[in-house]
Amino acid sequence: MTAIKARPDLLRALAGWNPETRLLLLCGQDESGSADLARKALAALGDPADPMALTDLEPGALVSEPGRLADEAASIPMFGGRRVIRVQPATDSIAPAVELLLKAPAAGNPVLLIAGDLKAASPLRKLAEASPAALIFISYPLDARAAQQWLDSQARERGGIVRREGRSRV
């Protein structure tokens, strides 16, 4: 497992995705931060123009059929390329499915799990932390400095700037 501490490090890992990595777990108290990173992960790992590049799985389906996650991750897309398998909200109830995924002999499609705040004792979090085939990023609420940095990065992405008077409102 690789616990990624900083958002830029996660973005670099997405840009240079290691095919041996099967699982990306986004969790933490800042669920909007996890949702934003999930959008970036989907854009980096799949083809945003291809509607077949994303497969959503319901957690309930994985509880009743835990092998399905590993099967979907190992499947070969009909038209080539790679698919992203997304599960949200990922809860401890899908830990058996994640365990099968991480033990499977092969998985060519990355799995993206979007969870809320998972405690350190969470079975799902423990599985991800114990596996070399998993990345985990925990989103924490932003403090004032981090909020200003985020605001600046969002403005830059859109070709703008944040003026001093706007900065004081953060």
N, C-alpha and C. Protein backbone atom coordinates (compact mmCIF):
# COMPACT_ATOMS: atom_id res chain seq x y z
N MET A 1 0.84 -1.17 0.00
CA MET A 1 0.00 0.00 0.00
C MET A 1 0.88 1.22 0.00
N THR A 2 0.39 2.18 -0.68
CA THR A 2 1.03 3.47 -0.64
C THR A 2 0.01 4.46 -0.12
N ALA A 3 0.30 5.01 1.04
CA ALA A 3 -0.55 6.06 1.58
C ALA A 3 0.00 7.37 1.03
N ILE A 4 -0.80 8.04 0.28
CA ILE A 4 -0.38 9.30 -0.32
C ILE A 4 -0.87 10.42 0.58
N LYS A 5 0.03 11.29 0.97
CA LYS A 5 -0.28 12.32 1.96
C LYS A 5 -0.72 13.64 1.33
N ALA A 6 -0.18 13.97 0.17
CA ALA A 6 -0.44 15.28 -0.41
C ALA A 6 -1.17 15.14 -1.75
N ARG A 7 -2.10 16.02 -1.97
CA ARG A 7 -2.91 16.02 -3.19
C ARG A 7 -2.06 16.04 -4.47
N PRO A 8 -1.01 16.89 -4.55
CA PRO A 8 -0.18 16.87 -5.77
C PRO A 8 0.49 15.51 -6.01
N ASP A 9 0.85 14.82 -4.94
CA ASP A 9 1.46 13.49 -5.08
C ASP A 9 0.46 12.50 -5.67
N LEU A 10 -0.81 12.62 -5.25
CA LEU A 10 -1.84 11.75 -5.81
C LEU A 10 -2.05 12.06 -7.29
N LEU A 11 -2.07 13.32 -7.64
CA LEU A 11 -2.26 13.69 -9.05
C LEU A 11 -1.11 13.17 -9.91
N ARG A 12 0.11 13.19 -9.38
CA ARG A 12 1.26 12.62 -10.11
C ARG A 12 1.11 11.11 -10.25
N ALA A 13 0.65 10.45 -9.19
CA ALA A 13 0.46 8.99 -9.25
C ALA A 13 -0.61 8.64 -10.29
N LEU A 14 -1.64 9.45 -10.39
CA LEU A 14 -2.68 9.21 -11.40
C LEU A 14 -2.13 9.39 -12.81
N ALA A 15 -1.31 10.42 -12.99
CA ALA A 15 -0.74 10.70 -14.32
C ALA A 15 0.21 9.59 -14.76
N GLY A 16 0.92 8.99 -13.82
CA GLY A 16 1.84 7.91 -14.14
C GLY A 16 1.37 6.60 -13.53
N TRP A 17 0.12 6.26 -13.77
CA TRP A 17 -0.53 5.11 -13.14
C TRP A 17 0.27 3.83 -13.34
N ASN A 18 0.57 3.15 -12.26
CA ASN A 18 1.27 1.87 -12.28
C ASN A 18 0.23 0.78 -12.54
N PRO A 19 0.36 0.02 -13.62
CA PRO A 19 -0.64 -1.02 -13.92
C PRO A 19 -0.73 -2.12 -12.85
N GLU A 20 0.26 -2.22 -11.99
CA GLU A 20 0.21 -3.19 -10.90
C GLU A 20 -0.73 -2.73 -9.77
N THR A 21 -1.08 -1.47 -9.78
CA THR A 21 -1.99 -0.93 -8.78
C THR A 21 -3.41 -1.27 -9.19
N ARG A 22 -4.13 -1.91 -8.31
CA ARG A 22 -5.49 -2.36 -8.62
C ARG A 22 -6.56 -1.48 -8.00
N LEU A 23 -6.20 -0.80 -6.92
CA LEU A 23 -7.22 -0.16 -6.11
C LEU A 23 -6.78 1.24 -5.68
N LEU A 24 -7.68 2.18 -5.82
CA LEU A 24 -7.50 3.52 -5.27
C LEU A 24 -8.65 3.76 -4.31
N LEU A 25 -8.33 3.94 -3.04
CA LEU A 25 -9.33 4.21 -2.02
C LEU A 25 -9.24 5.68 -1.62
N LEU A 26 -10.33 6.40 -1.87
CA LEU A 26 -10.43 7.80 -1.45
C LEU A 26 -11.41 7.84 -0.29
N CYS A 27 -10.95 8.34 0.84
CA CYS A 27 -11.81 8.38 2.02
C CYS A 27 -11.43 9.60 2.86
N GLY A 28 -12.15 9.79 3.94
CA GLY A 28 -11.83 10.87 4.86
C GLY A 28 -13.03 11.72 5.19
N GLN A 29 -12.81 12.64 6.12
CA GLN A 29 -13.87 13.52 6.59
C GLN A 29 -14.32 14.50 5.51
N ASP A 30 -13.41 14.89 4.63
CA ASP A 30 -13.74 15.85 3.58
C ASP A 30 -14.27 15.10 2.35
N GLU A 31 -15.56 14.79 2.39
CA GLU A 31 -16.14 14.01 1.30
C GLU A 31 -16.17 14.78 -0.02
N SER A 32 -16.28 16.10 0.04
CA SER A 32 -16.25 16.87 -1.21
C SER A 32 -14.85 16.83 -1.81
N GLY A 33 -13.83 16.80 -0.97
CA GLY A 33 -12.45 16.65 -1.47
C GLY A 33 -12.26 15.30 -2.13
N SER A 34 -12.82 14.25 -1.53
CA SER A 34 -12.73 12.91 -2.13
C SER A 34 -13.48 12.88 -3.46
N ALA A 35 -14.64 13.53 -3.52
CA ALA A 35 -15.42 13.55 -4.77
C ALA A 35 -14.66 14.28 -5.87
N ASP A 36 -13.99 15.38 -5.52
CA ASP A 36 -13.20 16.12 -6.51
C ASP A 36 -12.05 15.26 -7.02
N LEU A 37 -11.37 14.57 -6.12
CA LEU A 37 -10.27 13.70 -6.53
C LEU A 37 -10.78 12.52 -7.35
N ALA A 38 -11.97 12.04 -7.04
CA ALA A 38 -12.55 10.94 -7.83
C ALA A 38 -12.77 11.39 -9.27
N ARG A 39 -13.25 12.61 -9.46
CA ARG A 39 -13.43 13.13 -10.84
C ARG A 39 -12.09 13.20 -11.57
N LYS A 40 -11.07 13.65 -10.87
CA LYS A 40 -9.74 13.73 -11.48
C LYS A 40 -9.20 12.33 -11.79
N ALA A 41 -9.45 11.38 -10.89
CA ALA A 41 -9.00 10.00 -11.12
C ALA A 41 -9.69 9.39 -12.33
N LEU A 42 -10.99 9.62 -12.44
CA LEU A 42 -11.72 9.09 -13.59
C LEU A 42 -11.19 9.67 -14.89
N ALA A 43 -10.87 10.96 -14.90
CA ALA A 43 -10.34 11.60 -16.11
C ALA A 43 -8.95 11.06 -16.44
N ALA A 44 -8.14 10.78 -15.42
CA ALA A 44 -6.78 10.31 -15.66
C ALA A 44 -6.71 8.83 -16.01
N LEU A 45 -7.58 8.03 -15.42
CA LEU A 45 -7.50 6.58 -15.60
C LEU A 45 -8.35 6.03 -16.73
N GLY A 46 -9.36 6.77 -17.13
CA GLY A 46 -10.24 6.32 -18.20
C GLY A 46 -10.33 7.37 -19.28
N ASP A 47 -10.97 7.04 -20.35
CA ASP A 47 -11.17 7.98 -21.45
C ASP A 47 -12.49 8.72 -21.20
N PRO A 48 -12.42 10.01 -20.84
CA PRO A 48 -13.65 10.74 -20.53
C PRO A 48 -14.64 10.79 -21.70
N ALA A 49 -14.17 10.62 -22.92
CA ALA A 49 -15.05 10.66 -24.08
C ALA A 49 -15.74 9.32 -24.34
N ASP A 50 -15.28 8.29 -23.67
CA ASP A 50 -15.84 6.95 -23.89
C ASP A 50 -16.82 6.59 -22.78
N PRO A 51 -18.11 6.50 -23.08
CA PRO A 51 -19.08 6.16 -22.03
C PRO A 51 -18.90 4.74 -21.49
N MET A 52 -18.17 3.91 -22.20
CA MET A 52 -17.94 2.53 -21.75
C MET A 52 -16.71 2.42 -20.86
N ALA A 53 -16.02 3.54 -20.61
CA ALA A 53 -14.78 3.51 -19.83
C ALA A 53 -15.03 3.53 -18.33
N LEU A 54 -16.30 3.56 -17.92
CA LEU A 54 -16.64 3.57 -16.50
C LEU A 54 -17.73 2.54 -16.23
N THR A 55 -17.49 1.75 -15.20
CA THR A 55 -18.50 0.80 -14.73
C THR A 55 -18.77 1.11 -13.27
N ASP A 56 -20.01 1.43 -12.96
CA ASP A 56 -20.42 1.67 -11.58
C ASP A 56 -20.98 0.38 -10.99
N LEU A 57 -20.51 0.03 -9.82
CA LEU A 57 -21.03 -1.13 -9.10
C LEU A 57 -21.64 -0.65 -7.79
N GLU A 58 -22.81 -1.16 -7.49
CA GLU A 58 -23.49 -0.84 -6.24
C GLU A 58 -22.88 -1.69 -5.11
N PRO A 59 -22.67 -1.07 -3.95
CA PRO A 59 -22.12 -1.84 -2.83
C PRO A 59 -22.97 -3.07 -2.49
N GLY A 60 -24.28 -2.95 -2.56
CA GLY A 60 -25.16 -4.08 -2.25
C GLY A 60 -24.92 -5.27 -3.15
N ALA A 61 -24.61 -5.00 -4.42
CA ALA A 61 -24.33 -6.09 -5.36
C ALA A 61 -23.05 -6.82 -4.97
N LEU A 62 -22.09 -6.10 -4.42
CA LEU A 62 -20.83 -6.71 -4.02
C LEU A 62 -20.96 -7.49 -2.71
N VAL A 63 -21.93 -7.11 -1.89
CA VAL A 63 -22.18 -7.86 -0.66
C VAL A 63 -22.75 -9.23 -1.01
N SER A 64 -23.69 -9.24 -1.95
CA SER A 64 -24.32 -10.51 -2.32
C SER A 64 -23.47 -11.33 -3.30
N GLU A 65 -22.57 -10.68 -4.01
CA GLU A 65 -21.73 -11.36 -5.00
C GLU A 65 -20.31 -10.79 -4.94
N PRO A 66 -19.54 -11.11 -3.89
CA PRO A 66 -18.24 -10.47 -3.68
C PRO A 66 -17.22 -10.71 -4.79
N GLY A 67 -17.31 -11.80 -5.52
CA GLY A 67 -16.35 -12.08 -6.59
C GLY A 67 -16.52 -11.19 -7.80
N ARG A 68 -17.62 -10.49 -7.87
CA ARG A 68 -17.90 -9.65 -9.04
C ARG A 68 -16.88 -8.52 -9.20
N LEU A 69 -16.38 -7.96 -8.10
CA LEU A 69 -15.42 -6.87 -8.20
C LEU A 69 -14.13 -7.33 -8.88
N ALA A 70 -13.60 -8.47 -8.47
CA ALA A 70 -12.39 -9.02 -9.09
C ALA A 70 -12.66 -9.40 -10.54
N ASP A 71 -13.83 -9.95 -10.82
CA ASP A 71 -14.19 -10.32 -12.20
C ASP A 71 -14.22 -9.09 -13.11
N GLU A 72 -14.85 -8.03 -12.64
CA GLU A 72 -14.94 -6.80 -13.44
C GLU A 72 -13.55 -6.18 -13.66
N ALA A 73 -12.72 -6.22 -12.62
CA ALA A 73 -11.38 -5.65 -12.73
C ALA A 73 -10.51 -6.45 -13.69
N ALA A 74 -10.75 -7.74 -13.80
CA ALA A 74 -9.94 -8.59 -14.68
C ALA A 74 -10.50 -8.68 -16.11
N SER A 75 -11.70 -8.19 -16.32
CA SER A 75 -12.32 -8.33 -17.65
C SER A 75 -11.60 -7.46 -18.68
N ILE A 76 -11.70 -7.89 -19.91
CA ILE A 76 -11.07 -7.15 -21.01
C ILE A 76 -12.17 -6.38 -21.74
N PRO A 77 -12.05 -5.06 -21.80
CA PRO A 77 -13.07 -4.27 -22.48
C PRO A 77 -13.21 -4.68 -23.95
N MET A 78 -14.42 -4.72 -24.43
CA MET A 78 -14.72 -5.18 -25.79
C MET A 78 -13.99 -4.36 -26.86
N PHE A 79 -13.87 -3.07 -26.64
CA PHE A 79 -13.27 -2.19 -27.65
C PHE A 79 -11.87 -1.74 -27.26
N GLY A 80 -11.23 -2.48 -26.37
CA GLY A 80 -9.87 -2.15 -25.96
C GLY A 80 -9.85 -1.06 -24.91
N GLY A 81 -8.66 -0.60 -24.59
CA GLY A 81 -8.52 0.43 -23.58
C GLY A 81 -8.69 -0.14 -22.18
N ARG A 82 -8.98 0.74 -21.29
CA ARG A 82 -9.14 0.32 -19.90
C ARG A 82 -10.41 0.95 -19.35
N ARG A 83 -11.04 0.22 -18.45
CA ARG A 83 -12.24 0.72 -17.77
C ARG A 83 -11.88 1.00 -16.32
N VAL A 84 -12.58 1.94 -15.74
CA VAL A 84 -12.46 2.19 -14.31
C VAL A 84 -13.72 1.62 -13.66
N ILE A 85 -13.52 0.85 -12.61
CA ILE A 85 -14.62 0.28 -11.85
C ILE A 85 -14.80 1.16 -10.61
N ARG A 86 -15.96 1.80 -10.50
CA ARG A 86 -16.20 2.73 -9.38
C ARG A 86 -17.26 2.15 -8.44
N VAL A 87 -16.96 2.24 -7.14
CA VAL A 87 -17.91 1.82 -6.12
C VAL A 87 -18.06 2.98 -5.14
N GLN A 88 -19.32 3.43 -5.00
CA GLN A 88 -19.60 4.49 -4.03
C GLN A 88 -21.03 4.39 -3.54
N PRO A 89 -21.27 4.56 -2.30
CA PRO A 89 -20.30 4.73 -1.23
C PRO A 89 -19.70 3.38 -0.83
N ALA A 90 -18.40 3.36 -0.75
CA ALA A 90 -17.70 2.14 -0.34
C ALA A 90 -17.72 2.08 1.18
N THR A 91 -18.22 0.99 1.71
CA THR A 91 -18.30 0.81 3.16
C THR A 91 -17.62 -0.51 3.52
N ASP A 92 -17.52 -0.74 4.81
CA ASP A 92 -16.89 -1.98 5.28
C ASP A 92 -17.63 -3.23 4.81
N SER A 93 -18.86 -3.08 4.40
CA SER A 93 -19.63 -4.25 3.94
C SER A 93 -19.04 -4.88 2.68
N ILE A 94 -18.23 -4.13 1.93
CA ILE A 94 -17.65 -4.69 0.70
C ILE A 94 -16.22 -5.21 0.92
N ALA A 95 -15.77 -5.25 2.16
CA ALA A 95 -14.41 -5.74 2.45
C ALA A 95 -14.14 -7.13 1.87
N PRO A 96 -15.09 -8.09 1.93
CA PRO A 96 -14.81 -9.39 1.31
C PRO A 96 -14.56 -9.28 -0.21
N ALA A 97 -15.27 -8.41 -0.89
CA ALA A 97 -15.06 -8.22 -2.33
C ALA A 97 -13.69 -7.60 -2.60
N VAL A 98 -13.29 -6.66 -1.78
CA VAL A 98 -11.97 -6.03 -1.94
C VAL A 98 -10.87 -7.03 -1.66
N GLU A 99 -11.07 -7.88 -0.67
CA GLU A 99 -10.07 -8.90 -0.36
C GLU A 99 -9.88 -9.84 -1.56
N LEU A 100 -10.97 -10.25 -2.20
CA LEU A 100 -10.87 -11.11 -3.39
C LEU A 100 -10.16 -10.38 -4.53
N LEU A 101 -10.45 -9.10 -4.70
CA LEU A 101 -9.78 -8.30 -5.73
C LEU A 101 -8.27 -8.28 -5.50
N LEU A 102 -7.86 -8.01 -4.29
CA LEU A 102 -6.44 -7.87 -3.99
C LEU A 102 -5.70 -9.20 -4.03
N LYS A 103 -6.42 -10.32 -3.89
CA LYS A 103 -5.80 -11.65 -3.96
C LYS A 103 -5.89 -12.27 -5.35
N ALA A 104 -6.65 -11.66 -6.24
CA ALA A 104 -6.85 -12.22 -7.58
C ALA A 104 -5.53 -12.29 -8.34
N PRO A 105 -5.38 -13.27 -9.24
CA PRO A 105 -4.14 -13.40 -10.00
C PRO A 105 -3.92 -12.26 -11.00
N ALA A 106 -5.01 -11.62 -11.45
CA ALA A 106 -4.86 -10.54 -12.43
C ALA A 106 -6.01 -9.55 -12.29
N ALA A 107 -5.69 -8.30 -12.64
CA ALA A 107 -6.72 -7.24 -12.67
C ALA A 107 -6.17 -6.13 -13.54
N GLY A 108 -6.75 -5.93 -14.70
CA GLY A 108 -6.24 -4.91 -15.61
C GLY A 108 -6.95 -3.58 -15.51
N ASN A 109 -8.13 -3.56 -14.91
CA ASN A 109 -8.90 -2.33 -14.80
C ASN A 109 -8.83 -1.82 -13.37
N PRO A 110 -8.47 -0.54 -13.18
CA PRO A 110 -8.37 -0.02 -11.82
C PRO A 110 -9.74 0.11 -11.15
N VAL A 111 -9.75 -0.11 -9.85
CA VAL A 111 -10.96 0.01 -9.04
C VAL A 111 -10.84 1.27 -8.20
N LEU A 112 -11.85 2.09 -8.26
CA LEU A 112 -11.92 3.34 -7.49
C LEU A 112 -13.00 3.21 -6.44
N LEU A 113 -12.60 3.24 -5.19
CA LEU A 113 -13.55 3.19 -4.07
C LEU A 113 -13.64 4.58 -3.46
N ILE A 114 -14.85 5.08 -3.33
CA ILE A 114 -15.06 6.39 -2.73
C ILE A 114 -15.85 6.17 -1.45
N ALA A 115 -15.19 6.43 -0.34
CA ALA A 115 -15.79 6.17 0.97
C ALA A 115 -15.85 7.46 1.76
N GLY A 116 -16.61 7.42 2.80
CA GLY A 116 -16.63 8.53 3.75
C GLY A 116 -15.46 8.39 4.71
N ASP A 117 -15.66 8.83 5.91
CA ASP A 117 -14.61 8.77 6.93
C ASP A 117 -14.47 7.34 7.43
N LEU A 118 -13.36 6.70 7.13
CA LEU A 118 -13.09 5.34 7.60
C LEU A 118 -12.09 5.41 8.74
N LYS A 119 -12.47 4.88 9.87
CA LYS A 119 -11.57 4.86 11.03
C LYS A 119 -10.40 3.92 10.75
N ALA A 120 -9.34 4.05 11.52
CA ALA A 120 -8.15 3.22 11.34
C ALA A 120 -8.47 1.73 11.49
N ALA A 121 -9.47 1.40 12.28
CA ALA A 121 -9.83 -0.01 12.50
C ALA A 121 -10.78 -0.54 11.42
N SER A 122 -11.15 0.27 10.46
CA SER A 122 -12.06 -0.16 9.39
C SER A 122 -11.46 -1.33 8.61
N PRO A 123 -12.21 -2.42 8.43
CA PRO A 123 -11.70 -3.54 7.62
C PRO A 123 -11.33 -3.13 6.19
N LEU A 124 -12.10 -2.25 5.61
CA LEU A 124 -11.82 -1.80 4.24
C LEU A 124 -10.50 -1.03 4.20
N ARG A 125 -10.34 -0.13 5.12
CA ARG A 125 -9.09 0.65 5.18
C ARG A 125 -7.90 -0.24 5.49
N LYS A 126 -8.07 -1.19 6.40
CA LYS A 126 -6.98 -2.10 6.74
C LYS A 126 -6.54 -2.92 5.53
N LEU A 127 -7.49 -3.39 4.73
CA LEU A 127 -7.15 -4.16 3.53
C LEU A 127 -6.32 -3.31 2.57
N ALA A 128 -6.75 -2.08 2.35
CA ALA A 128 -6.02 -1.19 1.43
C ALA A 128 -4.63 -0.87 1.98
N GLU A 129 -4.55 -0.63 3.27
CA GLU A 129 -3.25 -0.29 3.86
C GLU A 129 -2.28 -1.46 3.84
N ALA A 130 -2.79 -2.67 3.85
CA ALA A 130 -1.93 -3.85 3.89
C ALA A 130 -1.48 -4.33 2.51
N SER A 131 -2.07 -3.83 1.46
CA SER A 131 -1.78 -4.35 0.13
C SER A 131 -0.84 -3.46 -0.67
N PRO A 132 0.18 -4.05 -1.30
CA PRO A 132 1.05 -3.27 -2.17
C PRO A 132 0.36 -2.87 -3.49
N ALA A 133 -0.82 -3.45 -3.75
CA ALA A 133 -1.55 -3.16 -4.99
C ALA A 133 -2.61 -2.08 -4.78
N ALA A 134 -2.53 -1.36 -3.66
CA ALA A 134 -3.54 -0.35 -3.36
C ALA A 134 -2.90 0.99 -3.04
N LEU A 135 -3.60 2.05 -3.43
CA LEU A 135 -3.26 3.41 -3.03
C LEU A 135 -4.40 3.91 -2.16
N ILE A 136 -4.07 4.70 -1.15
CA ILE A 136 -5.09 5.27 -0.30
C ILE A 136 -4.78 6.75 -0.08
N PHE A 137 -5.82 7.55 -0.19
CA PHE A 137 -5.70 8.98 0.09
C PHE A 137 -6.82 9.36 1.03
N ILE A 138 -6.46 9.98 2.15
CA ILE A 138 -7.43 10.40 3.14
C ILE A 138 -7.58 11.92 3.04
N SER A 139 -8.80 12.35 2.75
CA SER A 139 -9.08 13.79 2.62
C SER A 139 -9.50 14.35 3.97
N TYR A 140 -8.77 15.35 4.41
CA TYR A 140 -9.10 16.03 5.66
C TYR A 140 -9.68 17.40 5.33
N PRO A 141 -10.53 17.93 6.20
CA PRO A 141 -11.05 19.28 5.97
C PRO A 141 -9.89 20.27 5.84
N LEU A 142 -10.06 21.24 4.98
CA LEU A 142 -9.01 22.22 4.73
C LEU A 142 -8.92 23.24 5.85
N ASP A 143 -7.68 23.57 6.23
CA ASP A 143 -7.50 24.71 7.12
C ASP A 143 -7.46 25.97 6.24
N ALA A 144 -7.34 27.14 6.84
CA ALA A 144 -7.42 28.39 6.08
C ALA A 144 -6.35 28.47 4.99
N ARG A 145 -5.13 28.08 5.32
CA ARG A 145 -4.03 28.15 4.33
C ARG A 145 -4.29 27.19 3.17
N ALA A 146 -4.68 25.97 3.50
CA ALA A 146 -4.95 24.98 2.46
C ALA A 146 -6.15 25.40 1.61
N ALA A 147 -7.15 26.02 2.23
CA ALA A 147 -8.31 26.50 1.48
C ALA A 147 -7.90 27.57 0.47
N GLN A 148 -7.01 28.46 0.89
CA GLN A 148 -6.53 29.49 -0.04
C GLN A 148 -5.72 28.87 -1.18
N GLN A 149 -4.89 27.88 -0.88
CA GLN A 149 -4.13 27.20 -1.93
C GLN A 149 -5.07 26.49 -2.90
N TRP A 150 -6.10 25.84 -2.37
CA TRP A 150 -7.07 25.17 -3.23
C TRP A 150 -7.78 26.18 -4.11
N LEU A 151 -8.19 27.30 -3.54
CA LEU A 151 -8.88 28.33 -4.30
C LEU A 151 -7.98 28.87 -5.41
N ASP A 152 -6.71 29.10 -5.10
CA ASP A 152 -5.76 29.56 -6.13
C ASP A 152 -5.62 28.54 -7.25
N SER A 153 -5.53 27.25 -6.89
CA SER A 153 -5.36 26.22 -7.93
C SER A 153 -6.61 26.12 -8.80
N GLN A 154 -7.79 26.24 -8.19
CA GLN A 154 -9.03 26.20 -8.97
C GLN A 154 -9.11 27.39 -9.92
N ALA A 155 -8.70 28.55 -9.45
CA ALA A 155 -8.71 29.75 -10.30
C ALA A 155 -7.72 29.59 -11.45
N ARG A 156 -6.51 29.07 -11.16
CA ARG A 156 -5.51 28.87 -12.22
C ARG A 156 -6.01 27.90 -13.28
N GLU A 157 -6.66 26.81 -12.85
CA GLU A 157 -7.20 25.83 -13.80
C GLU A 157 -8.21 26.46 -14.74
N ARG A 158 -8.86 27.49 -14.29
CA ARG A 158 -9.89 28.15 -15.10
C ARG A 158 -9.40 29.45 -15.73
N GLY A 159 -8.10 29.71 -15.61
CA GLY A 159 -7.52 30.90 -16.24
C GLY A 159 -7.76 32.18 -15.48
N GLY A 160 -8.01 32.10 -14.20
CA GLY A 160 -8.28 33.31 -13.41
C GLY A 160 -7.31 33.47 -12.26
N ILE A 161 -7.56 34.48 -11.46
CA ILE A 161 -6.78 34.73 -10.25
C ILE A 161 -7.76 35.11 -9.14
N VAL A 162 -7.30 34.99 -7.92
CA VAL A 162 -8.10 35.40 -6.78
C VAL A 162 -7.45 36.66 -6.21
N ARG A 163 -8.20 37.73 -6.19
CA ARG A 163 -7.68 39.00 -5.66
C ARG A 163 -7.64 38.97 -4.15
N ARG A 164 -6.89 39.89 -3.61
CA ARG A 164 -6.69 39.96 -2.17
C ARG A 164 -8.02 40.09 -1.41
N GLU A 165 -8.93 40.91 -1.91
CA GLU A 165 -10.22 41.09 -1.21
C GLU A 165 -11.04 39.80 -1.23
N GLY A 166 -10.93 39.02 -2.28
CA GLY A 166 -11.62 37.74 -2.33
C GLY A 166 -10.96 36.72 -1.43
N ARG A 167 -9.66 36.81 -1.30
CA ARG A 167 -8.90 35.88 -0.46
C ARG A 167 -9.30 36.01 1.02
N SER A 168 -9.64 37.21 1.44
CA SER A 168 -9.98 37.42 2.86
C SER A 168 -11.31 36.78 3.22
N ARG A 169 -12.10 36.37 2.24
CA ARG A 169 -13.39 35.75 2.51
C ARG A 169 -13.29 34.25 2.73
N VAL A 170 -12.14 33.69 2.48
CA VAL A 170 -11.96 32.24 2.64
C VAL A 170 -11.85 31.87 4.09
